[in-house]
Amino acid sequence: MQDFLAQPEVLPDGSAGVLLPAFIGWSPREGSGVFDPVRTLGVRAGFYSLNADLTVDLHTLETALQGGSYRVLVVIHYYGRTETKMHEIQKLAEQYGAILVEDLAHGFYSAILGGLAGTYGAVNLFSLHKMFPTPGAEGGMVAYRDCRYLHGQQETAPELARLILNYDWAGIARVRRAHFQELTRRLSVLPECGTAFELLWPDLAQTDVPQTLPVRILGGNRDQIYQAMNADGYGMVSLYHTLIDNVQEFPEMVALSRTITNFPVHQDMDAACLDGLIASFKTALHIGSPC
């Protein structure tokens, strides 16, 4: 995103800023892939709130846009799920003169295989290393749907194109969706569902391909659950476990970040391991529950 923001046509006025969702993660090892480019360029940043299921709160978004001081609007498709209000968001961006950018770091397959993700913004951002085993856990891609913002950009890692083209994207998508749906089915019938944990979203849109399956821990200790399940050998992650300092004024988002953990659904999982994954989660729930 840094190269895009650095173009004089994007932020011609030094007072113009970038409007971002208030759920942006940070880690000591990787920093913040979303916010670091904004901070590096010294661009003014504003934030809008999200709902409890990480969909955009249209009211706070429009309120932020009404001042007319934001030139770029970034929408994140969290965990591979297409933001459900993209049509309304696109209309607001057009109404208030903001360039719409879709962050598809988790949504490569949701966008590339014909879904609605990636069809609204002028610019799409992808994080290839989150979808493919790229060398050194690196690799990003920018797709410009509006050619006005193409000004001499050059590829820096052309070898990645050959790497990702070697994969069966449709096959990977089918496996990821199947794992998500089966895990959702099994989790939803656990007696602890609704009391010890809840599914962040129980349904999967027909064209969405999940990056992970997010679950919100209710009352228990998310970090203990995460650690116990990884000790059992399951690749749990807690994405956005720590939010950047700039969004600490959004307590609902901070609270959400401290309770989400993500189940793996990737294509290298063996469907036979789902029994063990669920059993590990049930055991960990009791470890992580308050006395």
C-alpha atoms as a PDB file:
ATOM      1  CA  MET A   1       0.000   0.000   0.000  1.00  0.00           C
ATOM      2  CA  GLN A   2       2.925   2.304   0.578  1.00  0.00           C
ATOM      3  CA  ASP A   3       3.680   2.744  -3.138  1.00  0.00           C
ATOM      4  CA  PHE A   4       0.036   3.531  -3.820  1.00  0.00           C
ATOM      5  CA  LEU A   5      -0.221   6.111  -1.033  1.00  0.00           C
ATOM      6  CA  ALA A   6       3.047   7.734  -2.113  1.00  0.00           C
ATOM      7  CA  GLN A   7       1.625   8.709  -5.508  1.00  0.00           C
ATOM      8  CA  PRO A   8       0.968  12.472  -5.643  1.00  0.00           C
ATOM      9  CA  GLU A   9      -2.405  11.883  -7.317  1.00  0.00           C
ATOM     10  CA  VAL A  10      -3.615   9.899  -4.322  1.00  0.00           C
ATOM     11  CA  LEU A  11      -2.917  12.396  -1.550  1.00  0.00           C
ATOM     12  CA  PRO A  12      -2.320  15.690  -3.354  1.00  0.00           C
ATOM     13  CA  ASP A  13      -3.198  17.735  -0.286  1.00  0.00           C
ATOM     14  CA  GLY A  14      -0.980  17.250   2.738  1.00  0.00           C
ATOM     15  CA  SER A  15      -4.012  17.513   5.010  1.00  0.00           C
ATOM     16  CA  ALA A  16      -5.857  14.645   3.307  1.00  0.00           C
ATOM     17  CA  GLY A  17      -5.818  11.387   5.207  1.00  0.00           C
ATOM     18  CA  VAL A  18      -6.483   7.667   5.135  1.00  0.00           C
ATOM     19  CA  LEU A  19      -9.550   6.210   6.850  1.00  0.00           C
ATOM     20  CA  LEU A  20      -9.055   2.732   8.299  1.00  0.00           C
ATOM     21  CA  PRO A  21     -11.138   0.227  10.283  1.00  0.00           C
ATOM     22  CA  ALA A  22     -10.567   0.257  14.038  1.00  0.00           C
ATOM     23  CA  PHE A  23      -9.539  -3.402  14.115  1.00  0.00           C
ATOM     24  CA  ILE A  24      -5.902  -3.432  13.027  1.00  0.00           C
ATOM     25  CA  GLY A  25      -3.411  -5.808  14.544  1.00  0.00           C
ATOM     26  CA  TRP A  26       0.225  -5.483  15.498  1.00  0.00           C
ATOM     27  CA  SER A  27       2.890  -7.952  16.584  1.00  0.00           C
ATOM     28  CA  PRO A  28       6.492  -7.468  17.766  1.00  0.00           C
ATOM     29  CA  ARG A  29       7.775  -9.742  14.993  1.00  0.00           C
ATOM     30  CA  GLU A  30       5.789  -8.467  12.007  1.00  0.00           C
ATOM     31  CA  GLY A  31       4.610  -5.008  13.005  1.00  0.00           C
ATOM     32  CA  SER A  32       1.372  -3.987  11.322  1.00  0.00           C
ATOM     33  CA  GLY A  33       1.023  -4.714   7.636  1.00  0.00           C
ATOM     34  CA  VAL A  34      -1.968  -2.406   7.404  1.00  0.00           C
ATOM     35  CA  PHE A  35      -0.851   0.568   9.454  1.00  0.00           C
ATOM     36  CA  ASP A  36       2.930   0.603   9.017  1.00  0.00           C
ATOM     37  CA  PRO A  37       2.817   2.034   5.445  1.00  0.00           C
ATOM     38  CA  VAL A  38       0.572   4.867   6.647  1.00  0.00           C
ATOM     39  CA  ARG A  39       2.840   5.648   9.578  1.00  0.00           C
ATOM     40  CA  THR A  40       6.017   5.396   7.484  1.00  0.00           C
ATOM     41  CA  LEU A  41       4.732   8.008   5.052  1.00  0.00           C
ATOM     42  CA  GLY A  42       3.553  10.263   7.852  1.00  0.00           C
ATOM     43  CA  VAL A  43       0.005  10.272   6.472  1.00  0.00           C
ATOM     44  CA  ARG A  44      -2.797  11.363   8.766  1.00  0.00           C
ATOM     45  CA  ALA A  45      -4.968   8.389   9.767  1.00  0.00           C
ATOM     46  CA  GLY A  46      -8.536   8.212  10.972  1.00  0.00           C
ATOM     47  CA  PHE A  47     -10.561   5.203  12.089  1.00  0.00           C
ATOM     48  CA  TYR A  48     -14.140   3.979  11.883  1.00  0.00           C
ATOM     49  CA  SER A  49     -15.798   1.377  14.076  1.00  0.00           C
ATOM     50  CA  LEU A  50     -16.981  -2.137  13.255  1.00  0.00           C
ATOM     51  CA  ASN A  51     -19.796  -4.282  14.540  1.00  0.00           C
ATOM     52  CA  ALA A  52     -19.270  -7.291  16.802  1.00  0.00           C
ATOM     53  CA  ASP A  53     -19.014  -9.601  13.767  1.00  0.00           C
ATOM     54  CA  LEU A  54     -16.381  -7.331  12.143  1.00  0.00           C
ATOM     55  CA  THR A  55     -18.738  -5.916   9.538  1.00  0.00           C
ATOM     56  CA  VAL A  56     -18.485  -2.189   8.895  1.00  0.00           C
ATOM     57  CA  ASP A  57     -20.583   0.135  11.049  1.00  0.00           C
ATOM     58  CA  LEU A  58     -21.992   2.309   8.258  1.00  0.00           C
ATOM     59  CA  HIS A  59     -23.057   5.076  10.627  1.00  0.00           C
ATOM     60  CA  THR A  60     -19.596   5.699  12.081  1.00  0.00           C
ATOM     61  CA  LEU A  61     -18.070   5.298   8.628  1.00  0.00           C
ATOM     62  CA  GLU A  62     -20.278   7.986   7.118  1.00  0.00           C
ATOM     63  CA  THR A  63     -19.736  10.265  10.091  1.00  0.00           C
ATOM     64  CA  ALA A  64     -15.979  10.017   9.573  1.00  0.00           C
ATOM     65  CA  LEU A  65     -16.282  10.645   5.829  1.00  0.00           C
ATOM     66  CA  GLN A  66     -18.591  13.631   6.125  1.00  0.00           C
ATOM     67  CA  GLY A  67     -15.791  16.002   6.971  1.00  0.00           C
ATOM     68  CA  GLY A  68     -14.339  15.456   3.517  1.00  0.00           C
ATOM     69  CA  SER A  69     -10.781  15.195   4.830  1.00  0.00           C
ATOM     70  CA  TYR A  70     -10.159  11.549   3.927  1.00  0.00           C
ATOM     71  CA  ARG A  71      -8.950  10.794   0.435  1.00  0.00           C
ATOM     72  CA  VAL A  72      -8.465   7.032   0.892  1.00  0.00           C
ATOM     73  CA  LEU A  73     -10.885   4.575   2.501  1.00  0.00           C
ATOM     74  CA  VAL A  74      -9.587   1.101   3.390  1.00  0.00           C
ATOM     75  CA  VAL A  75     -11.921  -1.862   3.953  1.00  0.00           C
ATOM     76  CA  ILE A  76     -10.565  -5.175   5.256  1.00  0.00           C
ATOM     77  CA  HIS A  77     -12.185  -8.492   4.366  1.00  0.00           C
ATOM     78  CA  TYR A  78     -11.427 -10.173   7.692  1.00  0.00           C
ATOM     79  CA  TYR A  79     -10.467 -13.854   7.743  1.00  0.00           C
ATOM     80  CA  GLY A  80     -11.492 -14.283   4.102  1.00  0.00           C
ATOM     81  CA  ARG A  81     -15.119 -13.288   4.604  1.00  0.00           C
ATOM     82  CA  THR A  82     -16.370 -10.717   2.097  1.00  0.00           C
ATOM     83  CA  GLU A  83     -17.535  -7.554   3.838  1.00  0.00           C
ATOM     84  CA  THR A  84     -21.314  -7.784   3.564  1.00  0.00           C
ATOM     85  CA  LYS A  85     -21.954  -4.067   3.004  1.00  0.00           C
ATOM     86  CA  MET A  86     -19.566  -3.345   0.152  1.00  0.00           C
ATOM     87  CA  HIS A  87     -22.266  -1.872  -2.092  1.00  0.00           C
ATOM     88  CA  GLU A  88     -23.217   0.703   0.543  1.00  0.00           C
ATOM     89  CA  ILE A  89     -19.570   1.383   1.337  1.00  0.00           C
ATOM     90  CA  GLN A  90     -18.764   1.991  -2.320  1.00  0.00           C
ATOM     91  CA  LYS A  91     -21.634   4.482  -2.551  1.00  0.00           C
ATOM     92  CA  LEU A  92     -20.361   6.358   0.496  1.00  0.00           C
ATOM     93  CA  ALA A  93     -16.835   6.467  -0.941  1.00  0.00           C
ATOM     94  CA  GLU A  94     -18.166   7.927  -4.181  1.00  0.00           C
ATOM     95  CA  GLN A  95     -20.391  10.400  -2.351  1.00  0.00           C
ATOM     96  CA  TYR A  96     -17.556  11.794  -0.262  1.00  0.00           C
ATOM     97  CA  GLY A  97     -14.781  11.572  -2.859  1.00  0.00           C
ATOM     98  CA  ALA A  98     -12.693   8.816  -1.261  1.00  0.00           C
ATOM     99  CA  ILE A  99     -10.644   6.219  -3.144  1.00  0.00           C
ATOM    100  CA  LEU A 100     -11.826   2.800  -2.018  1.00  0.00           C
ATOM    101  CA  VAL A 101      -9.086   0.255  -1.257  1.00  0.00           C
ATOM    102  CA  GLU A 102      -9.920  -3.384  -0.516  1.00  0.00           C
ATOM    103  CA  ASP A 103      -7.507  -5.213   1.775  1.00  0.00           C
ATOM    104  CA  LEU A 104      -7.630  -8.859   0.701  1.00  0.00           C
ATOM    105  CA  ALA A 105      -4.702 -10.140   2.745  1.00  0.00           C
ATOM    106  CA  HIS A 106      -7.019 -12.926   3.960  1.00  0.00           C
ATOM    107  CA  GLY A 107      -9.232 -12.992   0.886  1.00  0.00           C
ATOM    108  CA  PHE A 108      -7.134 -14.083  -2.086  1.00  0.00           C
ATOM    109  CA  TYR A 109      -9.389 -17.019  -2.961  1.00  0.00           C
ATOM    110  CA  SER A 110     -12.601 -15.171  -2.141  1.00  0.00           C
ATOM    111  CA  ALA A 111     -11.643 -12.547  -4.713  1.00  0.00           C
ATOM    112  CA  ILE A 112      -9.729 -14.463  -7.346  1.00  0.00           C
ATOM    113  CA  LEU A 113     -12.326 -17.198  -7.904  1.00  0.00           C
ATOM    114  CA  GLY A 114     -15.187 -14.951  -8.927  1.00  0.00           C
ATOM    115  CA  GLY A 115     -16.599 -13.657  -5.655  1.00  0.00           C
ATOM    116  CA  LEU A 116     -17.693 -10.082  -4.981  1.00  0.00           C
ATOM    117  CA  ALA A 117     -14.616  -9.323  -2.881  1.00  0.00           C
ATOM    118  CA  GLY A 118     -12.222  -7.235  -4.918  1.00  0.00           C
ATOM    119  CA  THR A 119     -14.854  -5.925  -7.344  1.00  0.00           C
ATOM    120  CA  TYR A 120     -15.628  -2.629  -5.616  1.00  0.00           C
ATOM    121  CA  GLY A 121     -12.337  -0.913  -4.882  1.00  0.00           C
ATOM    122  CA  ALA A 122     -10.013   1.044  -7.117  1.00  0.00           C
ATOM    123  CA  VAL A 123      -7.105  -0.887  -5.617  1.00  0.00           C
ATOM    124  CA  ASN A 124      -6.873  -4.417  -4.169  1.00  0.00           C
ATOM    125  CA  LEU A 125      -4.136  -5.479  -1.769  1.00  0.00           C
ATOM    126  CA  PHE A 126      -3.106  -9.133  -1.362  1.00  0.00           C
ATOM    127  CA  SER A 127      -0.714 -10.838   1.046  1.00  0.00           C
ATOM    128  CA  LEU A 128       0.506 -13.917  -0.804  1.00  0.00           C
ATOM    129  CA  HIS A 129       2.526 -15.358   2.057  1.00  0.00           C
ATOM    130  CA  LYS A 130      -0.683 -15.751   4.051  1.00  0.00           C
ATOM    131  CA  MET A 131      -2.179 -17.920   1.327  1.00  0.00           C
ATOM    132  CA  PHE A 132       0.870 -19.714  -0.114  1.00  0.00           C
ATOM    133  CA  PRO A 133       4.197 -21.004   1.264  1.00  0.00           C
ATOM    134  CA  THR A 134       6.241 -18.205  -0.277  1.00  0.00           C
ATOM    135  CA  PRO A 135       9.995 -18.142   0.416  1.00  0.00           C
ATOM    136  CA  GLY A 136      10.851 -16.334   3.609  1.00  0.00           C
ATOM    137  CA  ALA A 137       7.174 -15.844   4.476  1.00  0.00           C
ATOM    138  CA  GLU A 138       7.090 -12.777   2.248  1.00  0.00           C
ATOM    139  CA  GLY A 139       5.251 -11.607  -0.812  1.00  0.00           C
ATOM    140  CA  GLY A 140       2.459  -9.194  -1.613  1.00  0.00           C
ATOM    141  CA  MET A 141       0.483  -8.215  -4.668  1.00  0.00           C
ATOM    142  CA  VAL A 142      -1.384  -5.069  -5.685  1.00  0.00           C
ATOM    143  CA  ALA A 143      -4.108  -5.095  -8.326  1.00  0.00           C
ATOM    144  CA  TYR A 144      -5.203  -1.765  -9.776  1.00  0.00           C
ATOM    145  CA  ARG A 145      -8.780  -1.781 -11.019  1.00  0.00           C
ATOM    146  CA  ASP A 146      -8.549   1.945 -11.774  1.00  0.00           C
ATOM    147  CA  CYS A 147      -5.753   2.611 -14.260  1.00  0.00           C
ATOM    148  CA  ARG A 148      -5.473   6.255 -13.141  1.00  0.00           C
ATOM    149  CA  TYR A 149      -3.283   5.033 -10.310  1.00  0.00           C
ATOM    150  CA  LEU A 150      -0.851   3.116 -12.493  1.00  0.00           C
ATOM    151  CA  HIS A 151       2.317   5.164 -12.766  1.00  0.00           C
ATOM    152  CA  GLY A 152       5.373   3.085 -13.528  1.00  0.00           C
ATOM    153  CA  GLN A 153       4.927   0.428 -10.858  1.00  0.00           C
ATOM    154  CA  GLN A 154       7.350  -2.451 -11.279  1.00  0.00           C
ATOM    155  CA  GLU A 155       7.304  -5.996  -9.995  1.00  0.00           C
ATOM    156  CA  THR A 156       9.966  -6.791  -7.427  1.00  0.00           C
ATOM    157  CA  ALA A 157       9.503 -10.556  -7.087  1.00  0.00           C
ATOM    158  CA  PRO A 158       8.395 -11.957 -10.464  1.00  0.00           C
ATOM    159  CA  GLU A 159       9.239 -15.484  -9.344  1.00  0.00           C
ATOM    160  CA  LEU A 160       6.209 -15.414  -7.054  1.00  0.00           C
ATOM    161  CA  ALA A 161       3.884 -15.373 -10.064  1.00  0.00           C
ATOM    162  CA  ARG A 162       5.164 -18.744 -11.208  1.00  0.00           C
ATOM    163  CA  LEU A 163       4.947 -20.124  -7.681  1.00  0.00           C
ATOM    164  CA  ILE A 164       1.301 -19.226  -7.082  1.00  0.00           C
ATOM    165  CA  LEU A 165       0.269 -20.301 -10.590  1.00  0.00           C
ATOM    166  CA  ASN A 166       1.482 -23.808  -9.795  1.00  0.00           C
ATOM    167  CA  TYR A 167      -1.328 -24.269  -7.248  1.00  0.00           C
ATOM    168  CA  ASP A 168      -4.856 -25.512  -7.854  1.00  0.00           C
ATOM    169  CA  TRP A 169      -6.737 -22.499  -6.529  1.00  0.00           C
ATOM    170  CA  ALA A 170     -10.196 -23.997  -7.019  1.00  0.00           C
ATOM    171  CA  GLY A 171      -9.159 -27.235  -5.318  1.00  0.00           C
ATOM    172  CA  ILE A 172      -7.679 -25.344  -2.382  1.00  0.00           C
ATOM    173  CA  ALA A 173     -10.874 -23.312  -2.078  1.00  0.00           C
ATOM    174  CA  ARG A 174     -13.028 -26.442  -1.982  1.00  0.00           C
ATOM    175  CA  VAL A 175     -10.977 -27.976   0.807  1.00  0.00           C
ATOM    176  CA  ARG A 176     -10.913 -24.786   2.875  1.00  0.00           C
ATOM    177  CA  ARG A 177     -14.674 -24.367   2.567  1.00  0.00           C
ATOM    178  CA  ALA A 178     -15.293 -28.022   3.438  1.00  0.00           C
ATOM    179  CA  HIS A 179     -13.110 -27.795   6.557  1.00  0.00           C
ATOM    180  CA  PHE A 180     -14.818 -24.575   7.638  1.00  0.00           C
ATOM    181  CA  GLN A 181     -18.289 -26.015   7.191  1.00  0.00           C
ATOM    182  CA  GLU A 182     -17.514 -29.271   8.980  1.00  0.00           C
ATOM    183  CA  LEU A 183     -15.799 -27.516  11.881  1.00  0.00           C
ATOM    184  CA  THR A 184     -18.684 -25.067  12.144  1.00  0.00           C
ATOM    185  CA  ARG A 185     -21.159 -27.955  12.254  1.00  0.00           C
ATOM    186  CA  ARG A 186     -19.225 -29.737  15.001  1.00  0.00           C
ATOM    187  CA  LEU A 187     -18.584 -26.636  17.065  1.00  0.00           C
ATOM    188  CA  SER A 188     -22.186 -25.431  16.888  1.00  0.00           C
ATOM    189  CA  VAL A 189     -23.515 -28.599  18.560  1.00  0.00           C
ATOM    190  CA  LEU A 190     -21.060 -28.594  21.457  1.00  0.00           C
ATOM    191  CA  PRO A 191     -22.829 -27.925  24.777  1.00  0.00           C
ATOM    192  CA  GLU A 192     -20.290 -25.162  25.479  1.00  0.00           C
ATOM    193  CA  CYS A 193     -21.367 -23.211  22.371  1.00  0.00           C
ATOM    194  CA  GLY A 194     -23.094 -20.016  23.444  1.00  0.00           C
ATOM    195  CA  THR A 195     -21.696 -20.096  26.969  1.00  0.00           C
ATOM    196  CA  ALA A 196     -17.962 -20.802  26.792  1.00  0.00           C
ATOM    197  CA  PHE A 197     -17.522 -19.692  23.195  1.00  0.00           C
ATOM    198  CA  GLU A 198     -19.413 -18.462  20.155  1.00  0.00           C
ATOM    199  CA  LEU A 199     -18.828 -18.582  16.418  1.00  0.00           C
ATOM    200  CA  LEU A 200     -18.011 -15.134  15.100  1.00  0.00           C
ATOM    201  CA  TRP A 201     -20.155 -15.996  12.089  1.00  0.00           C
ATOM    202  CA  PRO A 202     -21.948 -19.328  11.707  1.00  0.00           C
ATOM    203  CA  ASP A 203     -22.514 -19.118   7.957  1.00  0.00           C
ATOM    204  CA  LEU A 204     -20.255 -19.043   4.913  1.00  0.00           C
ATOM    205  CA  ALA A 205     -21.321 -17.153   1.811  1.00  0.00           C
ATOM    206  CA  GLN A 206     -21.345 -19.217  -1.368  1.00  0.00           C
ATOM    207  CA  THR A 207     -18.357 -17.457  -2.930  1.00  0.00           C
ATOM    208  CA  ASP A 208     -16.283 -16.923   0.215  1.00  0.00           C
ATOM    209  CA  VAL A 209     -13.173 -18.975   0.954  1.00  0.00           C
ATOM    210  CA  PRO A 210     -12.072 -18.716   4.596  1.00  0.00           C
ATOM    211  CA  GLN A 211      -8.549 -18.003   5.705  1.00  0.00           C
ATOM    212  CA  THR A 212      -9.362 -19.345   9.179  1.00  0.00           C
ATOM    213  CA  LEU A 213     -12.444 -20.004  11.313  1.00  0.00           C
ATOM    214  CA  PRO A 214     -12.756 -17.340  14.026  1.00  0.00           C
ATOM    215  CA  VAL A 215     -14.251 -18.192  17.413  1.00  0.00           C
ATOM    216  CA  ARG A 216     -14.822 -15.797  20.282  1.00  0.00           C
ATOM    217  CA  ILE A 217     -14.034 -17.121  23.763  1.00  0.00           C
ATOM    218  CA  LEU A 218     -16.645 -16.060  26.333  1.00  0.00           C
ATOM    219  CA  GLY A 219     -15.417 -15.685  29.893  1.00  0.00           C
ATOM    220  CA  GLY A 220     -12.419 -18.001  29.543  1.00  0.00           C
ATOM    221  CA  ASN A 221      -8.776 -17.240  28.917  1.00  0.00           C
ATOM    222  CA  ARG A 222      -8.190 -17.104  25.190  1.00  0.00           C
ATOM    223  CA  ASP A 223      -4.414 -17.220  25.484  1.00  0.00           C
ATOM    224  CA  GLN A 224      -4.440 -20.350  27.661  1.00  0.00           C
ATOM    225  CA  ILE A 225      -6.756 -22.083  25.200  1.00  0.00           C
ATOM    226  CA  TYR A 226      -4.518 -21.079  22.309  1.00  0.00           C
ATOM    227  CA  GLN A 227      -1.391 -22.329  24.086  1.00  0.00           C
ATOM    228  CA  ALA A 228      -2.950 -25.632  25.161  1.00  0.00           C
ATOM    229  CA  MET A 229      -4.196 -26.459  21.669  1.00  0.00           C
ATOM    230  CA  ASN A 230      -0.885 -25.618  20.057  1.00  0.00           C
ATOM    231  CA  ALA A 231       0.859 -27.778  22.642  1.00  0.00           C
ATOM    232  CA  ASP A 232      -1.386 -30.578  21.348  1.00  0.00           C
ATOM    233  CA  GLY A 233      -0.012 -29.940  17.871  1.00  0.00           C
ATOM    234  CA  TYR A 234      -2.897 -28.014  16.321  1.00  0.00           C
ATOM    235  CA  GLY A 235      -2.057 -24.847  14.427  1.00  0.00           C
ATOM    236  CA  MET A 236      -4.307 -22.395  16.207  1.00  0.00           C
ATOM    237  CA  VAL A 237      -3.673 -18.701  15.712  1.00  0.00           C
ATOM    238  CA  SER A 238      -5.027 -15.563  17.350  1.00  0.00           C
ATOM    239  CA  LEU A 239      -5.032 -13.001  14.580  1.00  0.00           C
ATOM    240  CA  TYR A 240      -5.244  -9.343  15.621  1.00  0.00           C
ATOM    241  CA  HIS A 241      -4.585 -10.426  19.204  1.00  0.00           C
ATOM    242  CA  THR A 242      -3.051  -7.013  19.905  1.00  0.00           C
ATOM    243  CA  LEU A 243      -4.361  -3.852  18.283  1.00  0.00           C
ATOM    244  CA  ILE A 244      -2.278  -0.834  17.351  1.00  0.00           C
ATOM    245  CA  ASP A 245      -2.155   1.959  19.919  1.00  0.00           C
ATOM    246  CA  ASN A 246      -4.099   4.289  17.642  1.00  0.00           C
ATOM    247  CA  VAL A 247      -7.366   2.368  18.077  1.00  0.00           C
ATOM    248  CA  GLN A 248      -7.340   1.931  21.844  1.00  0.00           C
ATOM    249  CA  GLU A 249     -10.183   4.472  21.981  1.00  0.00           C
ATOM    250  CA  PHE A 250     -12.489   1.793  20.545  1.00  0.00           C
ATOM    251  CA  PRO A 251     -13.045  -0.423  23.634  1.00  0.00           C
ATOM    252  CA  GLU A 252     -15.386  -2.837  21.841  1.00  0.00           C
ATOM    253  CA  MET A 253     -12.717  -3.591  19.261  1.00  0.00           C
ATOM    254  CA  VAL A 254     -10.020  -3.985  21.916  1.00  0.00           C
ATOM    255  CA  ALA A 255     -12.230  -6.406  23.846  1.00  0.00           C
ATOM    256  CA  LEU A 256     -12.915  -8.377  20.681  1.00  0.00           C
ATOM    257  CA  SER A 257      -9.209  -8.650  19.905  1.00  0.00           C
ATOM    258  CA  ARG A 258      -8.585 -10.203  23.324  1.00  0.00           C
ATOM    259  CA  THR A 259     -11.149 -12.970  22.872  1.00  0.00           C
ATOM    260  CA  ILE A 260     -10.820 -14.212  19.280  1.00  0.00           C
ATOM    261  CA  THR A 261      -8.913 -17.353  18.371  1.00  0.00           C
ATOM    262  CA  ASN A 262      -8.780 -18.894  14.907  1.00  0.00           C
ATOM    263  CA  PHE A 263      -9.122 -22.539  13.917  1.00  0.00           C
ATOM    264  CA  PRO A 264      -7.070 -23.732  10.931  1.00  0.00           C
ATOM    265  CA  VAL A 265      -8.981 -24.698   7.779  1.00  0.00           C
ATOM    266  CA  HIS A 266      -6.088 -24.767   5.327  1.00  0.00           C
ATOM    267  CA  GLN A 267      -5.719 -27.301   2.543  1.00  0.00           C
ATOM    268  CA  ASP A 268      -2.888 -29.239   4.218  1.00  0.00           C
ATOM    269  CA  MET A 269      -5.138 -30.343   7.063  1.00  0.00           C
ATOM    270  CA  ASP A 270      -6.221 -33.956   7.053  1.00  0.00           C
ATOM    271  CA  ALA A 271      -9.981 -34.221   7.512  1.00  0.00           C
ATOM    272  CA  ALA A 272      -9.309 -37.127   9.862  1.00  0.00           C
ATOM    273  CA  CYS A 273      -7.671 -34.768  12.363  1.00  0.00           C
ATOM    274  CA  LEU A 274     -10.885 -32.854  13.003  1.00  0.00           C
ATOM    275  CA  ASP A 275     -11.914 -35.273  15.770  1.00  0.00           C
ATOM    276  CA  GLY A 276      -8.693 -34.567  17.630  1.00  0.00           C
ATOM    277  CA  LEU A 277      -8.982 -30.829  17.000  1.00  0.00           C
ATOM    278  CA  ILE A 278     -12.456 -30.683  18.538  1.00  0.00           C
ATOM    279  CA  ALA A 279     -11.401 -32.864  21.477  1.00  0.00           C
ATOM    280  CA  SER A 280      -8.402 -30.636  22.130  1.00  0.00           C
ATOM    281  CA  PHE A 281     -10.628 -27.554  22.063  1.00  0.00           C
ATOM    282  CA  LYS A 282     -13.096 -29.049  24.540  1.00  0.00           C
ATOM    283  CA  THR A 283     -10.274 -29.907  26.938  1.00  0.00           C
ATOM    284  CA  ALA A 284      -8.677 -26.485  26.517  1.00  0.00           C
ATOM    285  CA  LEU A 285     -11.985 -24.724  27.204  1.00  0.00           C
ATOM    286  CA  HIS A 286     -11.997 -26.164  30.712  1.00  0.00           C
ATOM    287  CA  ILE A 287      -8.340 -25.246  31.234  1.00  0.00           C
ATOM    288  CA  GLY A 288      -9.052 -21.695  30.114  1.00  0.00           C
ATOM    289  CA  SER A 289     -12.308 -21.259  32.032  1.00  0.00           C
ATOM    290  CA  PRO A 290     -12.350 -19.243  35.260  1.00  0.00           C
ATOM    291  CA  CYS A 291     -12.646 -21.203  38.480  1.00  0.00           C
END
